[in-house]
């Protein structure tokens, strides 16, 4: 935090949270930290460690803002937004009261999405199907890729494709749409199914979701998006990794992947793959392993397509883990390529 800053408005929400924690006694601060997620604790700890030269006046302002938020929240619980607005206007004035209530609404909204993250994908899909696709897109953009993939799989083809495209093109959220989303979240919460709001969704979010879907679903969604916006579809593809993208892994990387893959699972995954990819994999195996794999493929009887796709997905997970750890490199999928020397 920069030295000499004298107004709390200049600080981010995280920095204010750090200042608040530092102003509390150790026991109270510890109790509050226990209510946070691991990611939140890590982020807050980083902010706390960087606090330098903050005046007591700024800390007082942060404490005052926290007190206003708590008071506003209590008023909302007692009598609703209109009731809270009237009480706050009497002590803070119209402009300040409105600002405080907007922050309370945003915090409530974020907690609402947190509750949805515990919901079952199938139940959530049945609730959301009656909503407008744009509302669904905003809600799914706030869930985890795993959960969003489960929900999309439950949707009919037309709705799934429509929602995926809207997720990829989400921008600023209008107050009207936000109100619809809040209503839906509240309805789901009431039925006991078990950030900020500016830029959400986007190509990266959709790519993460499609990576969790089976190949057939992912390809169908991508084809639909491509018909509407080819550049957007290309951007999503660049951010994804699908089984066919093994063609873009170099020979050393393929050999590293093969050391982690069960041989029977490998044979199952190659049952319906492209011949060029199959040849690439065979070329990176020892002669004995190659002969055993060819024999396995030759005598393999009919298998369910779902089983093949599940095997491919498990191998893709291994590839992504190795890429994340820096053990293999995936290049050449389009866009700006890295240069290796």
Protein backbone atom coordinates (compact mmCIF):
# COMPACT_ATOMS: atom_id res chain seq x y z
CA UNK A 1 0.00 0.00 0.00
CA UNK A 2 1.36 3.39 -0.92
CA UNK A 3 2.57 5.66 1.89
CA UNK A 4 0.83 8.98 2.41
CA UNK A 5 -2.62 8.03 1.11
CA UNK A 6 -5.12 9.77 3.38
CA UNK A 7 -8.52 8.71 2.01
CA UNK A 8 -10.00 5.24 2.33
CA UNK A 9 -11.67 5.60 -1.09
CA UNK A 10 -8.22 5.20 -2.65
CA UNK A 11 -7.93 1.66 -1.30
CA UNK A 12 -9.29 -1.52 -2.87
CA UNK A 13 -11.84 -3.67 -1.05
CA UNK A 14 -9.10 -6.20 -0.25
CA UNK A 15 -6.81 -3.54 1.17
CA UNK A 16 -9.63 -2.23 3.34
CA UNK A 17 -10.26 -5.77 4.60
CA UNK A 18 -6.55 -6.04 5.50
CA UNK A 19 -6.70 -2.75 7.43
CA UNK A 20 -9.83 -3.89 9.23
CA UNK A 21 -8.16 -7.15 10.30
CA UNK A 22 -5.10 -5.25 11.56
CA UNK A 23 -7.29 -2.97 13.67
CA UNK A 24 -8.86 -5.92 15.51
CA UNK A 25 -7.44 -7.89 18.40
CA UNK A 26 -5.80 -11.22 17.51
CA UNK A 27 -8.64 -13.39 18.86
CA UNK A 28 -11.37 -11.55 16.93
CA UNK A 29 -9.30 -11.43 13.74
CA UNK A 30 -8.67 -15.19 14.00
CA UNK A 31 -12.39 -15.91 14.35
CA UNK A 32 -13.12 -13.83 11.25
CA UNK A 33 -10.38 -15.57 9.23
CA UNK A 34 -11.96 -18.93 10.02
CA UNK A 35 -15.08 -17.84 8.11
CA UNK A 36 -13.08 -17.32 4.89
CA UNK A 37 -12.12 -19.75 2.13
CA UNK A 38 -8.50 -20.78 1.60
CA UNK A 39 -8.17 -18.51 -1.45
CA UNK A 40 -9.61 -15.56 0.48
CA UNK A 41 -7.22 -16.16 3.38
CA UNK A 42 -4.23 -16.26 1.02
CA UNK A 43 -5.27 -13.04 -0.75
CA UNK A 44 -5.92 -11.27 2.53
CA UNK A 45 -2.59 -12.40 3.99
CA UNK A 46 -0.74 -10.94 1.00
CA UNK A 47 -2.48 -7.58 1.53
CA UNK A 48 -1.79 -7.61 5.28
CA UNK A 49 1.91 -8.27 4.67
CA UNK A 50 2.15 -5.27 2.32
CA UNK A 51 0.59 -2.67 4.66
CA UNK A 52 2.97 0.26 5.14
CA UNK A 53 2.60 3.75 6.52
CA UNK A 54 -1.20 3.95 6.73
CA UNK A 55 -2.43 6.81 8.89
CA UNK A 56 -4.79 6.29 11.82
CA UNK A 57 -7.28 8.56 10.04
CA UNK A 58 -7.57 6.13 7.12
CA UNK A 59 -8.07 3.20 9.49
CA UNK A 60 -10.82 5.13 11.24
CA UNK A 61 -12.52 5.72 7.87
CA UNK A 62 -12.33 1.99 7.05
CA UNK A 63 -13.79 1.09 10.45
CA UNK A 64 -16.58 3.63 9.91
CA UNK A 65 -17.37 2.19 6.46
CA UNK A 66 -17.48 -1.33 7.90
CA UNK A 67 -19.83 -0.15 10.65
CA UNK A 68 -22.12 1.46 8.03
CA UNK A 69 -22.27 -1.76 6.02
CA UNK A 70 -23.11 -3.85 9.10
CA UNK A 71 -25.78 -1.35 10.16
CA UNK A 72 -27.30 -1.25 6.67
CA UNK A 73 -27.38 -5.05 6.54
CA UNK A 74 -29.22 -5.19 9.87
CA UNK A 75 -31.78 -2.65 8.62
CA UNK A 76 -32.33 -4.69 5.44
CA UNK A 77 -32.91 -7.84 7.49
CA UNK A 78 -35.36 -6.02 9.79
CA UNK A 79 -37.52 -4.34 7.17
CA UNK A 80 -36.16 -4.64 3.65
CA UNK A 81 -34.35 -2.26 1.30
CA UNK A 82 -36.89 0.60 1.45
CA UNK A 83 -36.88 0.53 5.25
CA UNK A 84 -33.07 0.55 5.33
CA UNK A 85 -32.95 3.41 2.81
CA UNK A 86 -35.17 5.64 4.98
CA UNK A 87 -33.20 4.99 8.16
CA UNK A 88 -29.82 5.48 6.51
CA UNK A 89 -30.87 8.68 4.75
CA UNK A 90 -31.66 10.22 8.14
CA UNK A 91 -28.09 9.73 9.37
CA UNK A 92 -25.99 9.61 6.18
CA UNK A 93 -27.92 11.59 3.58
CA UNK A 94 -29.43 10.29 0.33
CA UNK A 95 -26.21 9.90 -1.70
CA UNK A 96 -24.21 8.12 1.01
CA UNK A 97 -27.14 5.90 1.99
CA UNK A 98 -27.58 4.81 -1.64
CA UNK A 99 -23.85 4.06 -1.96
CA UNK A 100 -23.82 1.93 1.21
CA UNK A 101 -26.93 -0.02 0.15
CA UNK A 102 -25.44 -0.70 -3.30
CA UNK A 103 -22.44 -2.28 -1.60
CA UNK A 104 -24.70 -4.38 0.64
CA UNK A 105 -26.64 -5.59 -2.42
CA UNK A 106 -23.40 -6.56 -4.17
CA UNK A 107 -22.20 -8.53 -1.14
CA UNK A 108 -25.55 -10.32 -0.89
CA UNK A 109 -25.38 -11.13 -4.62
CA UNK A 110 -21.94 -12.71 -4.29
CA UNK A 111 -23.04 -14.82 -1.31
CA UNK A 112 -26.05 -15.95 -3.34
CA UNK A 113 -23.81 -17.34 -6.06
CA UNK A 114 -21.72 -19.02 -3.36
CA UNK A 115 -24.83 -20.91 -2.27
CA UNK A 116 -25.52 -22.00 -5.86
CA UNK A 117 -22.05 -23.53 -6.11
CA UNK A 118 -23.24 -26.21 -3.68
CA UNK A 119 -26.27 -27.08 -5.82
CA UNK A 120 -26.65 -30.32 -7.75
CA UNK A 121 -26.14 -29.81 -11.51
CA UNK A 122 -29.26 -31.71 -12.53
CA UNK A 123 -31.54 -29.89 -10.11
CA UNK A 124 -30.02 -26.55 -11.04
CA UNK A 125 -30.59 -27.25 -14.74
CA UNK A 126 -34.27 -28.00 -14.17
CA UNK A 127 -34.71 -24.68 -12.33
CA UNK A 128 -32.83 -22.62 -14.91
CA UNK A 129 -34.46 -23.99 -18.06
CA UNK A 130 -37.49 -21.73 -17.65
CA UNK A 131 -35.32 -18.58 -17.45
CA UNK A 132 -34.15 -16.32 -20.27
CA UNK A 133 -30.91 -17.59 -21.89
CA UNK A 134 -29.12 -14.33 -20.99
CA UNK A 135 -30.04 -14.78 -17.32
CA UNK A 136 -28.85 -18.39 -17.44
CA UNK A 137 -25.58 -17.30 -19.07
CA UNK A 138 -24.83 -14.82 -16.29
CA UNK A 139 -25.60 -17.34 -13.55
CA UNK A 140 -23.48 -20.10 -15.12
CA UNK A 141 -20.59 -17.67 -15.60
CA UNK A 142 -20.44 -17.37 -11.81
CA UNK A 143 -20.30 -21.14 -11.18
CA UNK A 144 -17.35 -23.52 -11.43
CA UNK A 145 -16.51 -25.03 -14.87
CA UNK A 146 -17.36 -28.51 -13.54
CA UNK A 147 -20.80 -27.44 -12.35
CA UNK A 148 -21.52 -25.40 -15.47
CA UNK A 149 -20.60 -28.37 -17.67
CA UNK A 150 -23.04 -30.55 -15.70
CA UNK A 151 -25.83 -28.03 -16.18
CA UNK A 152 -25.17 -27.56 -19.91
CA UNK A 153 -25.21 -31.32 -20.44
CA UNK A 154 -28.74 -31.42 -19.00
CA UNK A 155 -30.05 -28.71 -21.37
CA UNK A 156 -31.67 -29.40 -24.76
CA UNK A 157 -29.30 -28.80 -27.70
CA UNK A 158 -30.80 -25.47 -28.77
CA UNK A 159 -30.77 -23.97 -25.26
CA UNK A 160 -27.27 -25.30 -24.54
CA UNK A 161 -25.85 -23.75 -27.70
CA UNK A 162 -27.68 -20.45 -27.16
CA UNK A 163 -26.50 -20.12 -23.55
CA UNK A 164 -22.90 -21.03 -24.44
CA UNK A 165 -22.77 -18.29 -27.07
CA UNK A 166 -24.21 -15.73 -24.64
CA UNK A 167 -21.64 -16.74 -22.00
CA UNK A 168 -18.85 -16.17 -24.48
CA UNK A 169 -20.16 -12.68 -25.33
CA UNK A 170 -21.15 -11.46 -21.85
CA UNK A 171 -20.10 -7.91 -21.08
CA UNK A 172 -21.38 -5.33 -18.63
CA UNK A 173 -24.45 -6.41 -16.71
CA UNK A 174 -27.55 -4.20 -16.84
CA UNK A 175 -29.51 -3.46 -13.63
CA UNK A 176 -32.58 -5.13 -15.17
CA UNK A 177 -30.69 -8.37 -15.83
CA UNK A 178 -29.12 -8.23 -12.40
CA UNK A 179 -32.58 -8.00 -10.81
CA UNK A 180 -33.70 -11.06 -12.79
CA UNK A 181 -30.64 -12.98 -11.66
CA UNK A 182 -31.20 -12.05 -8.03
CA UNK A 183 -34.80 -13.26 -8.27
CA UNK A 184 -33.68 -16.60 -9.73
CA UNK A 185 -30.95 -17.05 -7.12
CA UNK A 186 -33.44 -16.28 -4.36
CA UNK A 187 -35.97 -18.77 -5.75
CA UNK A 188 -33.38 -21.53 -5.93
CA UNK A 189 -32.15 -20.76 -2.42
CA UNK A 190 -35.71 -20.87 -1.08
CA UNK A 191 -36.12 -24.35 -2.56
CA UNK A 192 -33.02 -25.46 -0.64
CA UNK A 193 -30.99 -26.63 -3.57
CA UNK A 194 -28.04 -28.23 -2.21
CA UNK A 195 -18.52 -11.06 -8.38
CA UNK A 196 -18.41 -7.88 -8.69
CA UNK A 197 -20.85 -7.50 -11.53
CA UNK A 198 -19.01 -5.75 -14.34
CA UNK A 199 -17.19 -8.16 -16.68
CA UNK A 200 -18.11 -11.86 -16.59
CA UNK A 201 -18.07 -14.90 -18.82
CA UNK A 202 -15.96 -14.59 -21.95
CA UNK A 203 -14.09 -17.03 -24.17
CA UNK A 204 -11.89 -18.30 -21.33
CA UNK A 205 -14.89 -19.22 -19.17
CA UNK A 206 -16.54 -21.11 -22.03
CA UNK A 207 -13.27 -22.89 -22.88
CA UNK A 208 -12.99 -24.09 -19.26
CA UNK A 209 -16.56 -25.37 -19.38
CA UNK A 210 -16.17 -27.14 -22.73
CA UNK A 211 -13.02 -28.84 -21.50
CA UNK A 212 -15.23 -30.49 -18.88
CA UNK A 213 -17.88 -31.59 -21.40
CA UNK A 214 -17.59 -34.74 -23.49
CA UNK A 215 -16.16 -34.31 -27.00
CA UNK A 216 -19.49 -34.57 -28.80
CA UNK A 217 -21.10 -31.85 -26.67
CA UNK A 218 -18.07 -29.56 -26.94
CA UNK A 219 -17.86 -29.91 -30.71
CA UNK A 220 -21.58 -29.23 -31.18
CA UNK A 221 -21.38 -26.05 -29.08
CA UNK A 222 -18.25 -24.87 -30.89
CA UNK A 223 -19.83 -25.47 -34.30
CA UNK A 224 -22.87 -23.41 -33.30
CA UNK A 225 -20.73 -20.55 -31.99
CA UNK A 226 -18.61 -20.70 -35.15
CA UNK A 227 -21.71 -20.20 -37.32
CA UNK A 228 -22.47 -16.98 -35.42
CA UNK A 229 -18.94 -15.70 -34.81
CA UNK A 230 -15.96 -17.55 -36.34
CA UNK A 231 -13.37 -15.38 -34.58
CA UNK A 232 -14.93 -16.02 -31.19
CA UNK A 233 -15.00 -19.76 -31.89
CA UNK A 234 -11.32 -19.66 -32.83
CA UNK A 235 -10.47 -17.82 -29.61
CA UNK A 236 -12.31 -20.42 -27.54
CA UNK A 237 -10.51 -23.24 -29.37
CA UNK A 238 -7.14 -21.68 -28.62
CA UNK A 239 -7.99 -21.67 -24.92
CA UNK A 240 -9.16 -25.29 -24.94
CA UNK A 241 -7.35 -28.60 -25.14
CA UNK A 242 -9.18 -31.53 -26.68
CA UNK A 243 -7.98 -35.06 -27.38
CA UNK A 244 -7.27 -34.27 -31.04
CA UNK A 245 -4.89 -31.52 -29.88
CA UNK A 246 -2.38 -34.21 -28.96
CA UNK A 247 -1.17 -33.58 -32.53
CA UNK A 248 0.30 -30.30 -31.19
CA UNK A 249 2.34 -32.01 -28.46
CA UNK A 250 5.95 -32.67 -29.50
CA UNK A 251 7.39 -36.19 -29.54
CA UNK A 252 9.12 -35.82 -26.17
CA UNK A 253 5.82 -34.62 -24.68
CA UNK A 254 3.90 -37.56 -26.18
CA UNK A 255 6.43 -39.95 -24.66
CA UNK A 256 6.01 -38.26 -21.27
CA UNK A 257 2.22 -38.53 -21.50
CA UNK A 258 2.39 -42.21 -22.44
CA UNK A 259 4.32 -42.99 -19.25
CA UNK A 260 1.28 -41.82 -17.25
CA UNK A 261 -1.46 -43.49 -19.31
CA UNK A 262 -2.84 -46.97 -18.72
CA UNK A 263 -2.29 -49.05 -21.88
CA UNK A 264 -5.84 -50.41 -22.00
CA UNK A 265 -7.21 -46.89 -21.59
CA UNK A 266 -4.93 -45.70 -24.38
CA UNK A 267 -6.26 -48.38 -26.72
CA UNK A 268 -9.83 -47.45 -25.85
CA UNK A 269 -9.16 -43.74 -26.50
CA UNK A 270 -7.71 -44.51 -29.97
CA UNK A 271 -10.78 -46.50 -31.04
CA UNK A 272 -12.28 -43.57 -32.97
CA UNK A 273 -9.41 -41.08 -33.27
CA UNK A 274 -7.86 -39.58 -36.40
CA UNK A 275 -5.39 -41.87 -38.22
CA UNK A 276 -2.66 -39.20 -38.15
CA UNK A 277 -2.93 -38.89 -34.39
CA UNK A 278 -2.93 -42.66 -33.98
CA UNK A 279 0.23 -42.88 -36.08
CA UNK A 280 1.91 -40.10 -34.10
CA UNK A 281 1.28 -41.96 -30.85
CA UNK A 282 2.47 -45.29 -32.26
CA UNK A 283 5.70 -43.70 -33.52
CA UNK A 284 6.53 -42.60 -29.98
CA UNK A 285 6.26 -46.08 -28.50
CA UNK A 286 8.82 -48.85 -28.29
CA UNK A 287 8.45 -51.62 -30.87
CA UNK A 288 7.12 -54.05 -28.29
CA UNK A 289 4.61 -51.56 -26.83
CA UNK A 290 3.53 -50.60 -30.35
CA UNK A 291 2.85 -54.24 -31.30
CA UNK A 292 0.87 -54.81 -28.10
CA UNK A 293 -1.25 -51.71 -28.72
CA UNK A 294 -1.96 -52.72 -32.34
CA UNK A 295 -2.98 -56.15 -31.14
CA UNK A 296 -5.24 -54.64 -28.47
CA UNK A 297 -6.93 -52.45 -31.10
CA UNK A 298 -7.29 -55.32 -33.56
CA UNK A 299 -9.09 -57.61 -31.15
CA UNK A 300 -11.11 -54.96 -29.32
CA UNK A 301 -14.80 -55.59 -29.80
CA UNK A 302 -17.57 -52.98 -30.02
CA UNK A 303 -17.45 -50.42 -27.20
CA UNK A 304 -19.77 -47.60 -26.19
CA UNK A 305 -18.85 -44.22 -27.59
CA UNK A 306 -19.34 -42.77 -24.10
CA UNK A 307 -16.59 -45.07 -22.77
CA UNK A 308 -14.20 -43.94 -25.50
CA UNK A 309 -14.90 -40.28 -24.75
CA UNK A 310 -14.43 -40.84 -21.01
CA UNK A 311 -11.04 -42.46 -21.69
CA UNK A 312 -10.05 -39.54 -23.92
CA UNK A 313 -11.13 -37.06 -21.23
CA UNK A 314 -8.99 -38.80 -18.59
CA UNK A 315 -5.96 -38.62 -20.92
CA UNK A 316 -6.67 -34.94 -21.61
CA UNK A 317 -6.67 -34.34 -17.83
CA UNK A 318 -3.22 -35.93 -17.63
CA UNK A 319 -1.98 -33.75 -20.51
CA UNK A 320 -3.24 -30.58 -18.83
CA UNK A 321 -1.64 -31.55 -15.50
CA UNK A 322 1.71 -32.13 -17.22
CA UNK A 323 1.40 -28.83 -19.09
CA UNK A 324 0.57 -26.95 -15.88
CA UNK A 325 3.65 -28.43 -14.19
CA UNK A 326 5.83 -27.45 -17.15
CA UNK A 327 6.76 -31.04 -18.05
CA UNK A 328 5.34 -30.81 -21.59
CA UNK A 329 4.67 -28.01 -24.07
CA UNK A 330 1.64 -27.61 -26.32
CA UNK A 331 2.25 -25.31 -29.28
CA UNK A 332 0.83 -24.56 -32.71
CA UNK A 333 -2.89 -24.37 -31.90
CA UNK A 334 -3.21 -21.01 -33.63
CA UNK A 335 -2.75 -17.41 -32.63
CA UNK A 336 0.56 -16.10 -31.35
CA UNK A 337 2.88 -19.05 -30.96
CA UNK A 338 5.72 -19.21 -28.48
CA UNK A 339 9.23 -19.38 -29.92
CA UNK A 340 11.45 -22.16 -28.67
CA UNK A 341 15.24 -22.11 -29.16
